[in-house]
Amino acid sequence: MQGRAARHSKKATAGVPLPLMLVDGTTTRQKIKREYEKILAALEKARTEVHRFEKEQAPNYSRWLHSHFGTMLAELRETDRRICELKQIIIQVEMETLFTGASPREAYAHVMEDRKNSKVEPDEPDGKEEKGRGRRQHSRSSPFGSGPDEAEPDFEEFFGFGKRKPDRPARRSPAKVIERIKELYRALARRLHPDVQKEMTPQKAEWWHQAQAAYQQQDAEQLEVILSLCQIEDTGTTEKTSLSVLQRISAQLSKNLRQLRMQLRKYRDDPAWKFESKGDNRALEDRTRREFNLSLGRMKGQLREMEAELASWTAPARSRRSPRARSRPGFDPSEIFLFD
């Protein structure tokens, strides 16, 4: 009985318009505004620390380092360059032996010859092939194809997992959205383009790069966020910014803040962090010298091993000599007629 009465009351009030209730959004706006201002202050502090490290602390530390360890740094760079060069040669030799079955000595000779010819390339090929190298070069050019000009197939196609599916065309945005994106980009260009700026601040340069990336990705929301940030900077207030845009701005700033804090954690482990405030640098100098000596000793040991390996491929092969036969006394035929 009660259920029937409830259904009857619903039918009776179905066509009656409901009254609108005005909601005061002042409290919500103040809360979002406080969150935005808190994130903005933290972001500004992080940016200041990053800028101070990159523009002051790191250059000062670099100058101090080169003034005290210039010779050692040059030796470290040269040793590292030599190691990288020999490592590349060894890798090429290993690939040569893998694909051609040649011995390391032969592969090393071929690699060095190829490197020598690659430095000075003739204008026109003479059409002559080295004797005995044609088959080896053919097998070395591509382990999958039949010639040097044949492109390597896709992984799935080669192993029979099917053909590569064509890329799907990008989904087109509606005409209204495209027009809105163009409108936002024009407004940002009038505010942020380098040609119309009296002074291009780092913040405006960052917004301009973000606006270009957002325009290429057809991201209207990001363009609105950047435009709102420009308006907030011009007016100094967030009163004209909608709550939804302000929330998106806070989310974007929070993402930027996380990235800057990750960068600052790496910078704090760098010896250049707050270099000017360390005062006496004798302890730092001793520690740096020990680390450089250890690194240089380790690199020189690695270089000696690599040079020894290359030397074993260039040393002349030793010829195996047959063991010397023992000298036996000659046979005297008159001995068969001698009897006791």
C-alpha atoms as a PDB file:
ATOM      1  CA  MET A   1       0.000   0.000   0.000  1.00  0.00           C
ATOM      2  CA  GLN A   2       2.832   2.336   0.889  1.00  0.00           C
ATOM      3  CA  GLY A   3       4.724   1.448  -2.289  1.00  0.00           C
ATOM      4  CA  ARG A   4       1.636   2.238  -4.403  1.00  0.00           C
ATOM      5  CA  ALA A   5       1.302   5.617  -2.685  1.00  0.00           C
ATOM      6  CA  ALA A   6       4.991   6.394  -3.298  1.00  0.00           C
ATOM      7  CA  ARG A   7       4.671   5.607  -6.997  1.00  0.00           C
ATOM      8  CA  HIS A   8       1.567   7.786  -7.197  1.00  0.00           C
ATOM      9  CA  SER A   9       3.405  10.710  -5.567  1.00  0.00           C
ATOM     10  CA  LYS A  10       6.306  10.365  -8.035  1.00  0.00           C
ATOM     11  CA  LYS A  11       3.944  10.509 -10.975  1.00  0.00           C
ATOM     12  CA  ALA A  12       2.254  13.545  -9.479  1.00  0.00           C
ATOM     13  CA  THR A  13       5.544  15.473  -9.102  1.00  0.00           C
ATOM     14  CA  ALA A  14       7.129  14.326 -12.373  1.00  0.00           C
ATOM     15  CA  GLY A  15       6.089  17.365 -14.341  1.00  0.00           C
ATOM     16  CA  VAL A  16       6.761  19.931 -11.603  1.00  0.00           C
ATOM     17  CA  PRO A  17       9.991  21.933 -12.250  1.00  0.00           C
ATOM     18  CA  LEU A  18      12.546  21.724  -9.456  1.00  0.00           C
ATOM     19  CA  PRO A  19      13.842  24.977  -7.943  1.00  0.00           C
ATOM     20  CA  LEU A  20      17.448  26.006  -8.655  1.00  0.00           C
ATOM     21  CA  MET A  21      19.780  26.349  -5.693  1.00  0.00           C
ATOM     22  CA  LEU A  22      22.650  28.804  -5.815  1.00  0.00           C
ATOM     23  CA  VAL A  23      25.890  27.367  -4.437  1.00  0.00           C
ATOM     24  CA  ASP A  24      28.470  29.703  -3.009  1.00  0.00           C
ATOM     25  CA  GLY A  25      31.795  28.714  -4.549  1.00  0.00           C
ATOM     26  CA  THR A  26      33.863  31.173  -2.566  1.00  0.00           C
ATOM     27  CA  THR A  27      35.153  28.544  -0.155  1.00  0.00           C
ATOM     28  CA  THR A  28      36.037  26.155  -2.986  1.00  0.00           C
ATOM     29  CA  ARG A  29      37.763  28.909  -4.941  1.00  0.00           C
ATOM     30  CA  GLN A  30      39.789  29.975  -1.916  1.00  0.00           C
ATOM     31  CA  LYS A  31      40.861  26.382  -1.293  1.00  0.00           C
ATOM     32  CA  ILE A  32      41.944  25.869  -4.911  1.00  0.00           C
ATOM     33  CA  LYS A  33      43.660  29.253  -4.901  1.00  0.00           C
ATOM     34  CA  ARG A  34      45.650  28.420  -1.743  1.00  0.00           C
ATOM     35  CA  GLU A  35      46.714  25.116  -3.275  1.00  0.00           C
ATOM     36  CA  TYR A  36      47.772  26.899  -6.462  1.00  0.00           C
ATOM     37  CA  GLU A  37      49.763  29.546  -4.582  1.00  0.00           C
ATOM     38  CA  LYS A  38      51.482  26.881  -2.453  1.00  0.00           C
ATOM     39  CA  ILE A  39      52.549  24.881  -5.511  1.00  0.00           C
ATOM     40  CA  LEU A  40      53.634  28.060  -7.281  1.00  0.00           C
ATOM     41  CA  ALA A  41      55.856  29.126  -4.359  1.00  0.00           C
ATOM     42  CA  ALA A  42      57.479  25.666  -4.160  1.00  0.00           C
ATOM     43  CA  LEU A  43      58.020  25.665  -7.910  1.00  0.00           C
ATOM     44  CA  GLU A  44      59.644  29.086  -7.837  1.00  0.00           C
ATOM     45  CA  LYS A  45      61.977  27.992  -5.050  1.00  0.00           C
ATOM     46  CA  ALA A  46      62.988  24.840  -6.934  1.00  0.00           C
ATOM     47  CA  ARG A  47      63.590  26.819 -10.127  1.00  0.00           C
ATOM     48  CA  THR A  48      65.798  29.263  -8.232  1.00  0.00           C
ATOM     49  CA  GLU A  49      67.930  26.423  -6.839  1.00  0.00           C
ATOM     50  CA  VAL A  50      68.262  24.789 -10.245  1.00  0.00           C
ATOM     51  CA  HIS A  51      69.200  28.107 -11.866  1.00  0.00           C
ATOM     52  CA  ARG A  52      71.783  28.873  -9.168  1.00  0.00           C
ATOM     53  CA  PHE A  53      73.403  25.461  -9.559  1.00  0.00           C
ATOM     54  CA  GLU A  54      73.536  25.558 -13.367  1.00  0.00           C
ATOM     55  CA  LYS A  55      74.618  29.192 -13.730  1.00  0.00           C
ATOM     56  CA  GLU A  56      76.863  29.713 -10.686  1.00  0.00           C
ATOM     57  CA  GLN A  57      77.864  26.615  -8.725  1.00  0.00           C
ATOM     58  CA  ALA A  58      78.618  24.229 -11.602  1.00  0.00           C
ATOM     59  CA  PRO A  59      80.712  26.767 -13.615  1.00  0.00           C
ATOM     60  CA  ASN A  60      82.697  27.775 -10.504  1.00  0.00           C
ATOM     61  CA  TYR A  61      83.406  24.156  -9.660  1.00  0.00           C
ATOM     62  CA  SER A  62      84.457  23.460 -13.259  1.00  0.00           C
ATOM     63  CA  ARG A  63      86.929  26.356 -13.204  1.00  0.00           C
ATOM     64  CA  TRP A  64      88.380  25.184  -9.888  1.00  0.00           C
ATOM     65  CA  LEU A  65      88.657  21.621 -11.200  1.00  0.00           C
ATOM     66  CA  HIS A  66      90.527  22.607 -14.358  1.00  0.00           C
ATOM     67  CA  SER A  67      92.854  24.923 -12.469  1.00  0.00           C
ATOM     68  CA  HIS A  68      93.937  22.127 -10.075  1.00  0.00           C
ATOM     69  CA  PHE A  69      93.640  18.990 -12.244  1.00  0.00           C
ATOM     70  CA  GLY A  70      93.980  20.221 -15.821  1.00  0.00           C
ATOM     71  CA  THR A  71      96.772  17.803 -16.794  1.00  0.00           C
ATOM     72  CA  MET A  72      95.074  14.823 -15.163  1.00  0.00           C
ATOM     73  CA  LEU A  73      91.754  15.627 -16.817  1.00  0.00           C
ATOM     74  CA  ALA A  74      93.432  15.792 -20.227  1.00  0.00           C
ATOM     75  CA  GLU A  75      95.029  12.386 -19.621  1.00  0.00           C
ATOM     76  CA  LEU A  76      91.702  10.938 -18.525  1.00  0.00           C
ATOM     77  CA  ARG A  77      89.979  12.234 -21.643  1.00  0.00           C
ATOM     78  CA  GLU A  78      92.694  10.901 -23.955  1.00  0.00           C
ATOM     79  CA  THR A  79      92.701   7.497 -22.269  1.00  0.00           C
ATOM     80  CA  ASP A  80      88.926   7.280 -22.463  1.00  0.00           C
ATOM     81  CA  ARG A  81      89.014   8.237 -26.142  1.00  0.00           C
ATOM     82  CA  ARG A  82      91.575   5.526 -26.861  1.00  0.00           C
ATOM     83  CA  ILE A  83      89.529   2.920 -24.975  1.00  0.00           C
ATOM     84  CA  CYS A  84      86.404   3.784 -26.962  1.00  0.00           C
ATOM     85  CA  GLU A  85      88.349   3.528 -30.226  1.00  0.00           C
ATOM     86  CA  LEU A  86      89.831   0.113 -29.415  1.00  0.00           C
ATOM     87  CA  LYS A  87      86.521  -1.160 -28.073  1.00  0.00           C
ATOM     88  CA  GLN A  88      84.883  -0.326 -31.375  1.00  0.00           C
ATOM     89  CA  ILE A  89      87.615  -2.151 -33.284  1.00  0.00           C
ATOM     90  CA  ILE A  90      87.281  -5.239 -31.090  1.00  0.00           C
ATOM     91  CA  ILE A  91      83.506  -5.303 -31.562  1.00  0.00           C
ATOM     92  CA  GLN A  92      83.935  -5.074 -35.337  1.00  0.00           C
ATOM     93  CA  VAL A  93      86.444  -7.924 -35.283  1.00  0.00           C
ATOM     94  CA  GLU A  94      84.085 -10.088 -33.232  1.00  0.00           C
ATOM     95  CA  MET A  95      81.248  -9.419 -35.662  1.00  0.00           C
ATOM     96  CA  GLU A  96      83.550 -10.246 -38.574  1.00  0.00           C
ATOM     97  CA  THR A  97      84.520 -13.579 -37.083  1.00  0.00           C
ATOM     98  CA  LEU A  98      80.886 -14.340 -36.237  1.00  0.00           C
ATOM     99  CA  PHE A  99      79.453 -13.741 -39.714  1.00  0.00           C
ATOM    100  CA  THR A 100      82.364 -14.858 -41.899  1.00  0.00           C
ATOM    101  CA  GLY A 101      84.006 -17.584 -39.839  1.00  0.00           C
ATOM    102  CA  ALA A 102      87.414 -15.978 -40.322  1.00  0.00           C
ATOM    103  CA  SER A 103      90.107 -16.192 -37.696  1.00  0.00           C
ATOM    104  CA  PRO A 104      90.613 -13.168 -35.390  1.00  0.00           C
ATOM    105  CA  ARG A 105      93.880 -12.386 -37.199  1.00  0.00           C
ATOM    106  CA  GLU A 106      92.193 -12.301 -40.612  1.00  0.00           C
ATOM    107  CA  ALA A 107      89.163 -10.436 -39.276  1.00  0.00           C
ATOM    108  CA  TYR A 108      91.381  -7.785 -37.687  1.00  0.00           C
ATOM    109  CA  ALA A 109      93.230  -7.251 -40.958  1.00  0.00           C
ATOM    110  CA  HIS A 110      89.967  -6.877 -42.848  1.00  0.00           C
ATOM    111  CA  VAL A 111      88.526  -4.442 -40.278  1.00  0.00           C
ATOM    112  CA  MET A 112      91.610  -2.243 -40.284  1.00  0.00           C
ATOM    113  CA  GLU A 113      91.665  -2.243 -44.082  1.00  0.00           C
ATOM    114  CA  ASP A 114      87.994  -1.227 -44.194  1.00  0.00           C
ATOM    115  CA  ARG A 115      88.587   1.544 -41.659  1.00  0.00           C
ATOM    116  CA  LYS A 116      91.523   2.793 -43.675  1.00  0.00           C
ATOM    117  CA  ASN A 117      89.509   2.834 -46.902  1.00  0.00           C
ATOM    118  CA  SER A 118      86.536   4.510 -45.242  1.00  0.00           C
ATOM    119  CA  LYS A 119      88.646   7.516 -44.224  1.00  0.00           C
ATOM    120  CA  VAL A 120      89.601   8.276 -47.853  1.00  0.00           C
ATOM    121  CA  GLU A 121      86.743   7.367 -50.157  1.00  0.00           C
ATOM    122  CA  PRO A 122      87.357   7.720 -53.920  1.00  0.00           C
ATOM    123  CA  ASP A 123      85.027   9.879 -55.988  1.00  0.00           C
ATOM    124  CA  GLU A 124      84.263   7.082 -58.429  1.00  0.00           C
ATOM    125  CA  PRO A 125      84.520   3.367 -57.728  1.00  0.00           C
ATOM    126  CA  ASP A 126      87.126   1.665 -59.856  1.00  0.00           C
ATOM    127  CA  GLY A 127      85.042  -1.492 -60.143  1.00  0.00           C
ATOM    128  CA  LYS A 128      87.878  -3.734 -59.025  1.00  0.00           C
ATOM    129  CA  GLU A 129      87.402  -6.119 -56.155  1.00  0.00           C
ATOM    130  CA  GLU A 130      90.155  -7.463 -54.040  1.00  0.00           C
ATOM    131  CA  LYS A 131      91.115 -10.978 -54.772  1.00  0.00           C
ATOM    132  CA  GLY A 132      89.428 -13.453 -52.466  1.00  0.00           C
ATOM    133  CA  ARG A 133      87.284 -10.784 -50.748  1.00  0.00           C
ATOM    134  CA  GLY A 134      84.157 -10.820 -52.898  1.00  0.00           C
ATOM    135  CA  ARG A 135      82.452 -13.788 -51.250  1.00  0.00           C
ATOM    136  CA  ARG A 136      83.412 -12.607 -47.769  1.00  0.00           C
ATOM    137  CA  GLN A 137      82.077  -9.107 -48.335  1.00  0.00           C
ATOM    138  CA  HIS A 138      78.879 -10.521 -49.777  1.00  0.00           C
ATOM    139  CA  SER A 139      78.190 -12.628 -46.693  1.00  0.00           C
ATOM    140  CA  ARG A 140      79.211  -9.831 -44.356  1.00  0.00           C
ATOM    141  CA  SER A 141      77.034  -7.132 -45.859  1.00  0.00           C
ATOM    142  CA  SER A 142      73.737  -8.403 -44.495  1.00  0.00           C
ATOM    143  CA  PRO A 143      73.126 -11.646 -42.611  1.00  0.00           C
ATOM    144  CA  PHE A 144      69.487 -11.617 -43.750  1.00  0.00           C
ATOM    145  CA  GLY A 145      69.528 -10.450 -47.360  1.00  0.00           C
ATOM    146  CA  SER A 146      71.365 -11.390 -50.501  1.00  0.00           C
ATOM    147  CA  GLY A 147      73.237  -8.169 -51.115  1.00  0.00           C
ATOM    148  CA  PRO A 148      74.487  -4.988 -49.464  1.00  0.00           C
ATOM    149  CA  ASP A 149      71.635  -2.896 -50.876  1.00  0.00           C
ATOM    150  CA  GLU A 150      68.897  -5.239 -49.692  1.00  0.00           C
ATOM    151  CA  ALA A 151      67.063  -3.884 -46.658  1.00  0.00           C
ATOM    152  CA  GLU A 152      66.742  -6.067 -43.587  1.00  0.00           C
ATOM    153  CA  PRO A 153      63.193  -7.344 -43.102  1.00  0.00           C
ATOM    154  CA  ASP A 154      61.055  -6.641 -40.115  1.00  0.00           C
ATOM    155  CA  PHE A 155      61.547  -8.945 -37.109  1.00  0.00           C
ATOM    156  CA  GLU A 156      58.022 -10.358 -37.268  1.00  0.00           C
ATOM    157  CA  GLU A 157      58.159 -10.794 -41.039  1.00  0.00           C
ATOM    158  CA  PHE A 158      61.514 -12.590 -40.898  1.00  0.00           C
ATOM    159  CA  PHE A 159      60.428 -15.107 -38.278  1.00  0.00           C
ATOM    160  CA  GLY A 160      57.008 -15.648 -39.807  1.00  0.00           C
ATOM    161  CA  PHE A 161      54.788 -13.949 -37.269  1.00  0.00           C
ATOM    162  CA  GLY A 162      52.841 -12.026 -39.864  1.00  0.00           C
ATOM    163  CA  LYS A 163      53.195  -8.794 -41.738  1.00  0.00           C
ATOM    164  CA  ARG A 164      53.457  -5.424 -40.124  1.00  0.00           C
ATOM    165  CA  LYS A 165      50.111  -3.707 -39.776  1.00  0.00           C
ATOM    166  CA  PRO A 166      49.865  -0.241 -41.302  1.00  0.00           C
ATOM    167  CA  ASP A 167      49.765   2.637 -38.867  1.00  0.00           C
ATOM    168  CA  ARG A 168      46.313   3.919 -38.100  1.00  0.00           C
ATOM    169  CA  PRO A 169      45.608   7.417 -39.365  1.00  0.00           C
ATOM    170  CA  ALA A 170      45.413  10.076 -36.705  1.00  0.00           C
ATOM    171  CA  ARG A 171      41.919  10.831 -35.543  1.00  0.00           C
ATOM    172  CA  ARG A 172      40.808  14.218 -36.790  1.00  0.00           C
ATOM    173  CA  SER A 173      39.463  16.753 -34.360  1.00  0.00           C
ATOM    174  CA  PRO A 174      36.093  18.399 -35.011  1.00  0.00           C
ATOM    175  CA  ALA A 175      36.099  21.673 -36.888  1.00  0.00           C
ATOM    176  CA  LYS A 176      35.063  23.668 -33.815  1.00  0.00           C
ATOM    177  CA  VAL A 177      37.910  22.225 -31.768  1.00  0.00           C
ATOM    178  CA  ILE A 178      40.421  23.004 -34.514  1.00  0.00           C
ATOM    179  CA  GLU A 179      39.179  26.573 -34.731  1.00  0.00           C
ATOM    180  CA  ARG A 180      39.455  26.898 -30.939  1.00  0.00           C
ATOM    181  CA  ILE A 181      43.022  25.549 -31.028  1.00  0.00           C
ATOM    182  CA  LYS A 182      43.993  28.068 -33.698  1.00  0.00           C
ATOM    183  CA  GLU A 183      42.401  30.877 -31.702  1.00  0.00           C
ATOM    184  CA  LEU A 184      44.279  29.924 -28.542  1.00  0.00           C
ATOM    185  CA  TYR A 185      47.560  29.580 -30.416  1.00  0.00           C
ATOM    186  CA  ARG A 186      47.171  33.018 -32.005  1.00  0.00           C
ATOM    187  CA  ALA A 187      46.531  34.553 -28.591  1.00  0.00           C
ATOM    188  CA  LEU A 188      49.625  32.851 -27.191  1.00  0.00           C
ATOM    189  CA  ALA A 189      51.726  33.920 -30.168  1.00  0.00           C
ATOM    190  CA  ARG A 190      50.757  37.550 -29.553  1.00  0.00           C
ATOM    191  CA  ARG A 191      51.935  37.190 -25.951  1.00  0.00           C
ATOM    192  CA  LEU A 192      54.922  34.844 -26.169  1.00  0.00           C
ATOM    193  CA  HIS A 193      56.471  34.994 -29.650  1.00  0.00           C
ATOM    194  CA  PRO A 194      60.142  36.075 -29.410  1.00  0.00           C
ATOM    195  CA  ASP A 195      59.668  38.759 -32.092  1.00  0.00           C
ATOM    196  CA  VAL A 196      57.107  40.668 -30.006  1.00  0.00           C
ATOM    197  CA  GLN A 197      58.966  40.394 -26.678  1.00  0.00           C
ATOM    198  CA  LYS A 198      60.999  43.233 -25.256  1.00  0.00           C
ATOM    199  CA  GLU A 199      62.615  40.786 -22.833  1.00  0.00           C
ATOM    200  CA  MET A 200      62.264  37.034 -23.298  1.00  0.00           C
ATOM    201  CA  THR A 201      62.316  35.627 -19.780  1.00  0.00           C
ATOM    202  CA  PRO A 202      63.057  31.923 -19.177  1.00  0.00           C
ATOM    203  CA  GLN A 203      59.461  31.435 -18.025  1.00  0.00           C
ATOM    204  CA  LYS A 204      58.022  32.888 -21.231  1.00  0.00           C
ATOM    205  CA  ALA A 205      60.444  30.849 -23.327  1.00  0.00           C
ATOM    206  CA  GLU A 206      59.291  27.682 -21.537  1.00  0.00           C
ATOM    207  CA  TRP A 207      55.628  28.574 -22.102  1.00  0.00           C
ATOM    208  CA  TRP A 208      56.302  29.284 -25.765  1.00  0.00           C
ATOM    209  CA  HIS A 209      57.920  25.871 -26.284  1.00  0.00           C
ATOM    210  CA  GLN A 210      55.030  24.208 -24.434  1.00  0.00           C
ATOM    211  CA  ALA A 211      52.525  26.086 -26.589  1.00  0.00           C
ATOM    212  CA  GLN A 212      54.218  24.916 -29.791  1.00  0.00           C
ATOM    213  CA  ALA A 213      54.222  21.301 -28.568  1.00  0.00           C
ATOM    214  CA  ALA A 214      50.570  21.535 -27.528  1.00  0.00           C
ATOM    215  CA  TYR A 215      49.615  23.000 -30.923  1.00  0.00           C
ATOM    216  CA  GLN A 216      51.350  20.147 -32.761  1.00  0.00           C
ATOM    217  CA  GLN A 217      49.527  17.618 -30.553  1.00  0.00           C
ATOM    218  CA  GLN A 218      46.218  19.478 -30.996  1.00  0.00           C
ATOM    219  CA  ASP A 219      45.868  19.763 -27.207  1.00  0.00           C
ATOM    220  CA  ALA A 220      43.331  22.522 -26.562  1.00  0.00           C
ATOM    221  CA  GLU A 221      43.316  22.044 -22.783  1.00  0.00           C
ATOM    222  CA  GLN A 222      47.059  22.591 -22.532  1.00  0.00           C
ATOM    223  CA  LEU A 223      46.812  25.727 -24.643  1.00  0.00           C
ATOM    224  CA  GLU A 224      44.093  27.049 -22.335  1.00  0.00           C
ATOM    225  CA  VAL A 225      46.284  26.332 -19.322  1.00  0.00           C
ATOM    226  CA  ILE A 226      49.228  28.242 -20.814  1.00  0.00           C
ATOM    227  CA  LEU A 227      47.010  31.179 -21.792  1.00  0.00           C
ATOM    228  CA  SER A 228      45.550  31.308 -18.287  1.00  0.00           C
ATOM    229  CA  LEU A 229      49.053  31.309 -16.819  1.00  0.00           C
ATOM    230  CA  CYS A 230      49.952  34.272 -19.027  1.00  0.00           C
ATOM    231  CA  GLN A 231      46.813  36.122 -17.927  1.00  0.00           C
ATOM    232  CA  ILE A 232      47.540  35.403 -14.252  1.00  0.00           C
ATOM    233  CA  GLU A 233      51.067  36.743 -14.678  1.00  0.00           C
ATOM    234  CA  ASP A 234      49.772  39.906 -16.400  1.00  0.00           C
ATOM    235  CA  THR A 235      46.955  40.665 -13.944  1.00  0.00           C
ATOM    236  CA  GLY A 236      48.526  39.206 -10.811  1.00  0.00           C
ATOM    237  CA  THR A 237      45.239  37.585  -9.764  1.00  0.00           C
ATOM    238  CA  THR A 238      43.268  34.394 -10.369  1.00  0.00           C
ATOM    239  CA  GLU A 239      39.811  35.914  -9.981  1.00  0.00           C
ATOM    240  CA  LYS A 240      39.026  35.719 -13.701  1.00  0.00           C
ATOM    241  CA  THR A 241      40.283  32.148 -14.018  1.00  0.00           C
ATOM    242  CA  SER A 242      37.681  29.403 -13.894  1.00  0.00           C
ATOM    243  CA  LEU A 243      37.995  26.723 -11.223  1.00  0.00           C
ATOM    244  CA  SER A 244      38.430  23.915 -13.759  1.00  0.00           C
ATOM    245  CA  VAL A 245      41.274  25.735 -15.511  1.00  0.00           C
ATOM    246  CA  LEU A 246      42.843  26.630 -12.170  1.00  0.00           C
ATOM    247  CA  GLN A 247      42.779  22.972 -11.156  1.00  0.00           C
ATOM    248  CA  ARG A 248      44.421  21.968 -14.438  1.00  0.00           C
ATOM    249  CA  ILE A 249      47.065  24.640 -13.863  1.00  0.00           C
ATOM    250  CA  SER A 250      47.753  23.257 -10.380  1.00  0.00           C
ATOM    251  CA  ALA A 251      48.061  19.735 -11.785  1.00  0.00           C
ATOM    252  CA  GLN A 252      50.506  20.945 -14.467  1.00  0.00           C
ATOM    253  CA  LEU A 253      52.571  22.858 -11.930  1.00  0.00           C
ATOM    254  CA  SER A 254      52.648  19.826  -9.633  1.00  0.00           C
ATOM    255  CA  LYS A 255      54.040  17.736 -12.487  1.00  0.00           C
ATOM    256  CA  ASN A 256      56.705  20.351 -13.200  1.00  0.00           C
ATOM    257  CA  LEU A 257      57.554  20.508  -9.499  1.00  0.00           C
ATOM    258  CA  ARG A 258      58.088  16.737  -9.315  1.00  0.00           C
ATOM    259  CA  GLN A 259      60.426  16.868 -12.301  1.00  0.00           C
ATOM    260  CA  LEU A 260      62.447  19.733 -10.787  1.00  0.00           C
ATOM    261  CA  ARG A 261      62.739  17.967  -7.452  1.00  0.00           C
ATOM    262  CA  MET A 262      64.052  14.836  -9.171  1.00  0.00           C
ATOM    263  CA  GLN A 263      66.602  17.009 -10.952  1.00  0.00           C
ATOM    264  CA  LEU A 264      67.584  18.662  -7.672  1.00  0.00           C
ATOM    265  CA  ARG A 265      68.158  15.281  -6.009  1.00  0.00           C
ATOM    266  CA  LYS A 266      70.719  14.489  -8.718  1.00  0.00           C
ATOM    267  CA  TYR A 267      72.328  17.911  -8.344  1.00  0.00           C
ATOM    268  CA  ARG A 268      72.699  17.521  -4.564  1.00  0.00           C
ATOM    269  CA  ASP A 269      74.869  14.425  -5.129  1.00  0.00           C
ATOM    270  CA  ASP A 270      77.149  16.429  -7.428  1.00  0.00           C
ATOM    271  CA  PRO A 271      80.383  17.758  -5.855  1.00  0.00           C
ATOM    272  CA  ALA A 272      79.580  21.173  -7.337  1.00  0.00           C
ATOM    273  CA  TRP A 273      76.480  21.546  -5.123  1.00  0.00           C
ATOM    274  CA  LYS A 274      76.934  24.668  -2.960  1.00  0.00           C
ATOM    275  CA  PHE A 275      80.592  24.786  -3.926  1.00  0.00           C
ATOM    276  CA  GLU A 276      81.077  28.405  -2.813  1.00  0.00           C
ATOM    277  CA  SER A 277      79.892  27.725   0.741  1.00  0.00           C
ATOM    278  CA  LYS A 278      82.384  24.913   1.394  1.00  0.00           C
ATOM    279  CA  GLY A 279      85.218  27.316   2.193  1.00  0.00           C
ATOM    280  CA  ASP A 280      88.390  25.255   2.610  1.00  0.00           C
ATOM    281  CA  ASN A 281      88.614  22.903  -0.372  1.00  0.00           C
ATOM    282  CA  ARG A 282      91.704  20.934   0.669  1.00  0.00           C
ATOM    283  CA  ALA A 283      89.658  17.905   1.708  1.00  0.00           C
ATOM    284  CA  LEU A 284      87.762  18.062  -1.585  1.00  0.00           C
ATOM    285  CA  GLU A 285      91.040  18.376  -3.487  1.00  0.00           C
ATOM    286  CA  ASP A 286      92.536  15.311  -1.782  1.00  0.00           C
ATOM    287  CA  ARG A 287      89.406  13.243  -2.375  1.00  0.00           C
ATOM    288  CA  THR A 288      89.213  14.303  -6.009  1.00  0.00           C
ATOM    289  CA  ARG A 289      92.866  13.465  -6.579  1.00  0.00           C
ATOM    290  CA  ARG A 290      92.413   9.981  -5.128  1.00  0.00           C
ATOM    291  CA  GLU A 291      89.338   9.351  -7.268  1.00  0.00           C
ATOM    292  CA  PHE A 292      91.092  10.550 -10.419  1.00  0.00           C
ATOM    293  CA  ASN A 293      94.137   8.381  -9.716  1.00  0.00           C
ATOM    294  CA  LEU A 294      91.957   5.318  -9.157  1.00  0.00           C
ATOM    295  CA  SER A 295      89.989   5.973 -12.333  1.00  0.00           C
ATOM    296  CA  LEU A 296      93.127   6.583 -14.363  1.00  0.00           C
ATOM    297  CA  GLY A 297      94.788   3.419 -13.066  1.00  0.00           C
ATOM    298  CA  ARG A 298      91.715   1.335 -13.842  1.00  0.00           C
ATOM    299  CA  MET A 299      91.407   2.800 -17.328  1.00  0.00           C
ATOM    300  CA  LYS A 300      95.089   2.256 -18.090  1.00  0.00           C
ATOM    301  CA  GLY A 301      94.791  -1.383 -16.999  1.00  0.00           C
ATOM    302  CA  GLN A 302      91.817  -1.858 -19.304  1.00  0.00           C
ATOM    303  CA  LEU A 303      93.712  -0.159 -22.125  1.00  0.00           C
ATOM    304  CA  ARG A 304      96.731  -2.453 -21.673  1.00  0.00           C
ATOM    305  CA  GLU A 305      94.501  -5.528 -21.876  1.00  0.00           C
ATOM    306  CA  MET A 306      92.883  -4.301 -25.071  1.00  0.00           C
ATOM    307  CA  GLU A 307      96.209  -3.382 -26.659  1.00  0.00           C
ATOM    308  CA  ALA A 308      97.588  -6.817 -25.752  1.00  0.00           C
ATOM    309  CA  GLU A 309      94.615  -8.458 -27.432  1.00  0.00           C
ATOM    310  CA  LEU A 310      95.129  -6.420 -30.586  1.00  0.00           C
ATOM    311  CA  ALA A 311      98.861  -7.154 -30.502  1.00  0.00           C
ATOM    312  CA  SER A 312      98.117 -10.879 -30.482  1.00  0.00           C
ATOM    313  CA  TRP A 313      96.254 -10.416 -33.772  1.00  0.00           C
ATOM    314  CA  THR A 314      99.110  -8.536 -35.428  1.00  0.00           C
ATOM    315  CA  ALA A 315     102.085 -10.547 -34.165  1.00  0.00           C
ATOM    316  CA  PRO A 316     103.649 -12.807 -36.804  1.00  0.00           C
ATOM    317  CA  ALA A 317     102.488 -16.383 -36.583  1.00  0.00           C
ATOM    318  CA  ARG A 318     105.039 -18.790 -35.254  1.00  0.00           C
ATOM    319  CA  SER A 319     105.895 -21.633 -37.624  1.00  0.00           C
ATOM    320  CA  ARG A 320     105.787 -25.070 -36.033  1.00  0.00           C
ATOM    321  CA  ARG A 321     109.112 -26.801 -36.457  1.00  0.00           C
ATOM    322  CA  SER A 322     109.139 -30.604 -36.655  1.00  0.00           C
ATOM    323  CA  PRO A 323     111.135 -32.260 -33.870  1.00  0.00           C
ATOM    324  CA  ARG A 324     114.714 -32.950 -34.865  1.00  0.00           C
ATOM    325  CA  ALA A 325     115.240 -36.618 -35.737  1.00  0.00           C
ATOM    326  CA  ARG A 326     117.761 -38.456 -33.657  1.00  0.00           C
ATOM    327  CA  SER A 327     120.976 -39.300 -35.494  1.00  0.00           C
ATOM    328  CA  ARG A 328     121.428 -42.997 -35.964  1.00  0.00           C
ATOM    329  CA  PRO A 329     124.659 -44.729 -36.953  1.00  0.00           C
ATOM    330  CA  GLY A 330     124.878 -45.723 -40.599  1.00  0.00           C
ATOM    331  CA  PHE A 331     124.291 -49.312 -41.714  1.00  0.00           C
ATOM    332  CA  ASP A 332     127.363 -51.275 -42.641  1.00  0.00           C
ATOM    333  CA  PRO A 333     126.472 -54.207 -44.974  1.00  0.00           C
ATOM    334  CA  SER A 334     129.681 -56.049 -44.062  1.00  0.00           C
ATOM    335  CA  GLU A 335     128.267 -56.611 -40.592  1.00  0.00           C
ATOM    336  CA  ILE A 336     125.989 -59.402 -41.807  1.00  0.00           C
ATOM    337  CA  PHE A 337     129.022 -61.496 -42.693  1.00  0.00           C
ATOM    338  CA  LEU A 338     130.729 -61.109 -39.390  1.00  0.00           C
ATOM    339  CA  PHE A 339     130.042 -63.936 -36.956  1.00  0.00           C
ATOM    340  CA  ASP A 340     131.517 -64.681 -33.692  1.00  0.00           C
END
